[in-house]
Amino acid sequence: MTASLIVNLAVADLDRSVAFFTALGFGFNPALTDDNGACLVVGDNAYVMLLRPAFFSAFTTKGIADSATTAEAILAVTVDSRAEVDRIVRAALASGGSPANDPEEISGVYGWSFHDPDGHLWEVLNMDVPRAAPAPGAGAEAG
């Protein structure tokens, strides 16, 4: 199975969010960006839709979490080096983000976290651990 991951986040100020993530080095898919939201490209098959609250609310009957006081999720992004972890988080802090913790290394995984201007918790990781072997039969086509 080939799949993409798309995470939807409500943001109070769409222009501010686009400027923030652009400063971190991320790009946007213009075909999926309009006045209601912007499609942040995180990786080949990973995207975050930054949506104005009224548009976000059209997709759920639940209230929008107050990310300033509630951790609705931890959005983790892996990068190729410790230096890239540091670069992204320093850019986040210089562009209106706030620190969530100090850099740390646990079992070969180096990470550092920040809150974006809307309070969403982002974790940037460099994983220097062997990749887990796929489960038996994983990726095999049914037939």
Protein backbone atom coordinates (compact mmCIF):
# COMPACT_ATOMS: atom_id res chain seq x y z
CA MET A 1 0.00 0.00 0.00
CA THR A 2 1.23 3.47 -0.83
CA ALA A 3 -0.20 6.19 1.34
CA SER A 4 0.35 9.82 2.19
CA LEU A 5 -0.10 11.40 5.60
CA ILE A 6 -2.02 14.66 5.76
CA VAL A 7 -2.41 16.35 9.15
CA ASN A 8 -4.89 19.22 9.47
CA LEU A 9 -4.19 22.01 11.97
CA ALA A 10 -6.25 25.07 12.80
CA VAL A 11 -4.17 28.26 12.76
CA ALA A 12 -5.29 31.67 13.98
CA ASP A 13 -3.33 33.66 11.38
CA LEU A 14 -2.71 31.82 8.11
CA ASP A 15 -0.27 34.39 6.72
CA ARG A 16 1.78 34.30 9.94
CA SER A 17 1.90 30.49 9.83
CA VAL A 18 3.00 30.43 6.18
CA ALA A 19 5.76 32.96 6.94
CA PHE A 20 6.84 30.97 10.01
CA PHE A 21 7.20 27.63 8.22
CA THR A 22 8.81 29.27 5.20
CA ALA A 23 11.46 30.69 7.56
CA LEU A 24 12.12 27.12 8.75
CA GLY A 25 12.85 26.05 5.16
CA PHE A 26 9.60 24.28 4.31
CA GLY A 27 7.68 24.80 1.09
CA PHE A 28 4.00 24.86 0.19
CA ASN A 29 1.96 23.20 -2.54
CA PRO A 30 0.31 26.11 -4.37
CA ALA A 31 -2.31 23.82 -5.94
CA LEU A 32 -3.64 23.05 -2.44
CA THR A 33 -3.31 26.55 -1.01
CA ASP A 34 -6.01 29.24 -1.03
CA ASP A 35 -7.68 31.75 1.29
CA ASN A 36 -8.91 28.93 3.58
CA GLY A 37 -5.63 27.11 4.08
CA ALA A 38 -2.12 26.30 2.95
CA CYS A 39 -0.57 22.90 2.24
CA LEU A 40 2.78 22.65 4.03
CA VAL A 41 5.02 20.05 2.37
CA VAL A 42 6.91 18.15 5.08
CA GLY A 43 8.21 15.28 2.93
CA ASP A 44 7.54 13.21 -0.16
CA ASN A 45 4.28 11.84 1.26
CA ALA A 46 3.71 13.99 4.32
CA TYR A 47 1.74 17.23 4.42
CA VAL A 48 0.21 19.55 6.99
CA MET A 49 -2.85 21.55 6.01
CA LEU A 50 -2.77 24.84 7.91
CA LEU A 51 -6.44 25.84 8.02
CA ARG A 52 -8.32 28.90 9.16
CA PRO A 53 -10.50 27.89 12.16
CA ALA A 54 -13.84 28.38 10.37
CA PHE A 55 -12.72 26.11 7.52
CA PHE A 56 -11.21 23.54 9.93
CA SER A 57 -14.55 23.45 11.79
CA ALA A 58 -16.35 22.41 8.61
CA PHE A 59 -14.67 18.98 8.88
CA THR A 60 -15.57 18.13 12.48
CA THR A 61 -18.39 18.47 14.97
CA LYS A 62 -15.90 18.72 17.85
CA GLY A 63 -14.48 21.96 19.16
CA ILE A 64 -10.99 23.05 18.18
CA ALA A 65 -8.41 22.34 20.87
CA ASP A 66 -6.74 25.36 22.43
CA SER A 67 -3.16 24.45 21.55
CA ALA A 68 -1.87 27.14 23.91
CA THR A 69 -3.07 25.05 26.87
CA THR A 70 -3.70 21.58 25.40
CA ALA A 71 -1.29 19.22 23.64
CA GLU A 72 -3.55 17.85 20.91
CA ALA A 73 -0.64 16.01 19.26
CA ILE A 74 3.13 15.93 18.95
CA LEU A 75 4.09 16.50 15.33
CA ALA A 76 7.44 14.77 14.79
CA VAL A 77 9.62 15.38 11.75
CA THR A 78 12.83 13.43 11.06
CA VAL A 79 15.81 15.03 9.35
CA ASP A 80 19.19 13.79 8.12
CA SER A 81 21.51 15.29 10.76
CA ARG A 82 21.78 16.77 14.22
CA ALA A 83 22.86 20.03 12.58
CA GLU A 84 19.57 20.12 10.64
CA VAL A 85 17.62 19.55 13.89
CA ASP A 86 19.43 22.50 15.44
CA ARG A 87 19.00 24.70 12.34
CA ILE A 88 15.24 24.13 12.13
CA VAL A 89 14.58 24.68 15.84
CA ARG A 90 16.80 27.77 16.00
CA ALA A 91 14.93 29.16 12.98
CA ALA A 92 11.62 28.38 14.72
CA LEU A 93 12.70 30.19 17.88
CA ALA A 94 13.95 33.19 15.87
CA SER A 95 10.70 33.36 13.88
CA GLY A 96 8.11 33.46 16.65
CA GLY A 97 8.13 29.91 17.99
CA SER A 98 8.79 29.08 21.64
CA PRO A 99 10.94 26.35 23.18
CA ALA A 100 9.25 23.18 24.41
CA ASN A 101 12.37 21.53 25.82
CA ASP A 102 16.15 21.48 25.60
CA PRO A 103 17.90 19.37 22.96
CA GLU A 104 18.31 15.79 24.14
CA GLU A 105 19.53 12.41 22.98
CA ILE A 106 17.78 9.21 24.01
CA SER A 107 18.89 5.81 22.70
CA GLY A 108 20.53 7.24 19.59
CA VAL A 109 17.69 9.63 18.78
CA TYR A 110 18.61 13.32 18.97
CA GLY A 111 15.67 15.68 19.24
CA TRP A 112 14.58 19.18 20.09
CA SER A 113 11.02 20.48 20.33
CA PHE A 114 9.29 23.82 19.87
CA HIS A 115 5.80 25.30 19.83
CA ASP A 116 4.75 27.09 16.64
CA PRO A 117 3.03 30.50 16.96
CA ASP A 118 -0.33 28.74 17.47
CA GLY A 119 1.06 26.53 20.25
CA HIS A 120 1.20 23.28 18.24
CA LEU A 121 4.03 21.07 19.53
CA TRP A 122 6.65 20.08 16.92
CA GLU A 123 9.53 17.69 17.54
CA VAL A 124 12.49 17.60 15.15
CA LEU A 125 14.49 14.35 15.29
CA ASN A 126 17.64 12.80 13.88
CA MET A 127 17.53 9.05 14.31
CA ASP A 128 20.92 7.35 14.43
CA VAL A 129 19.50 3.92 15.12
CA PRO A 130 19.13 0.94 12.79
CA ARG A 131 15.79 0.95 11.01
CA ALA A 132 13.49 -1.76 12.27
CA ALA A 133 13.04 -4.69 9.93
CA PRO A 134 9.59 -4.82 8.32
CA ALA A 135 7.12 -7.22 9.83
CA PRO A 136 6.84 -10.56 8.04
CA GLY A 137 4.58 -10.13 5.03
CA ALA A 138 4.65 -6.34 5.24
CA GLY A 139 4.56 -4.85 1.79
CA ALA A 140 3.62 -8.16 0.20
CA GLU A 141 0.72 -7.89 -2.19
CA ALA A 142 -2.33 -9.94 -1.34
CA GLY A 143 -3.10 -12.37 -3.94
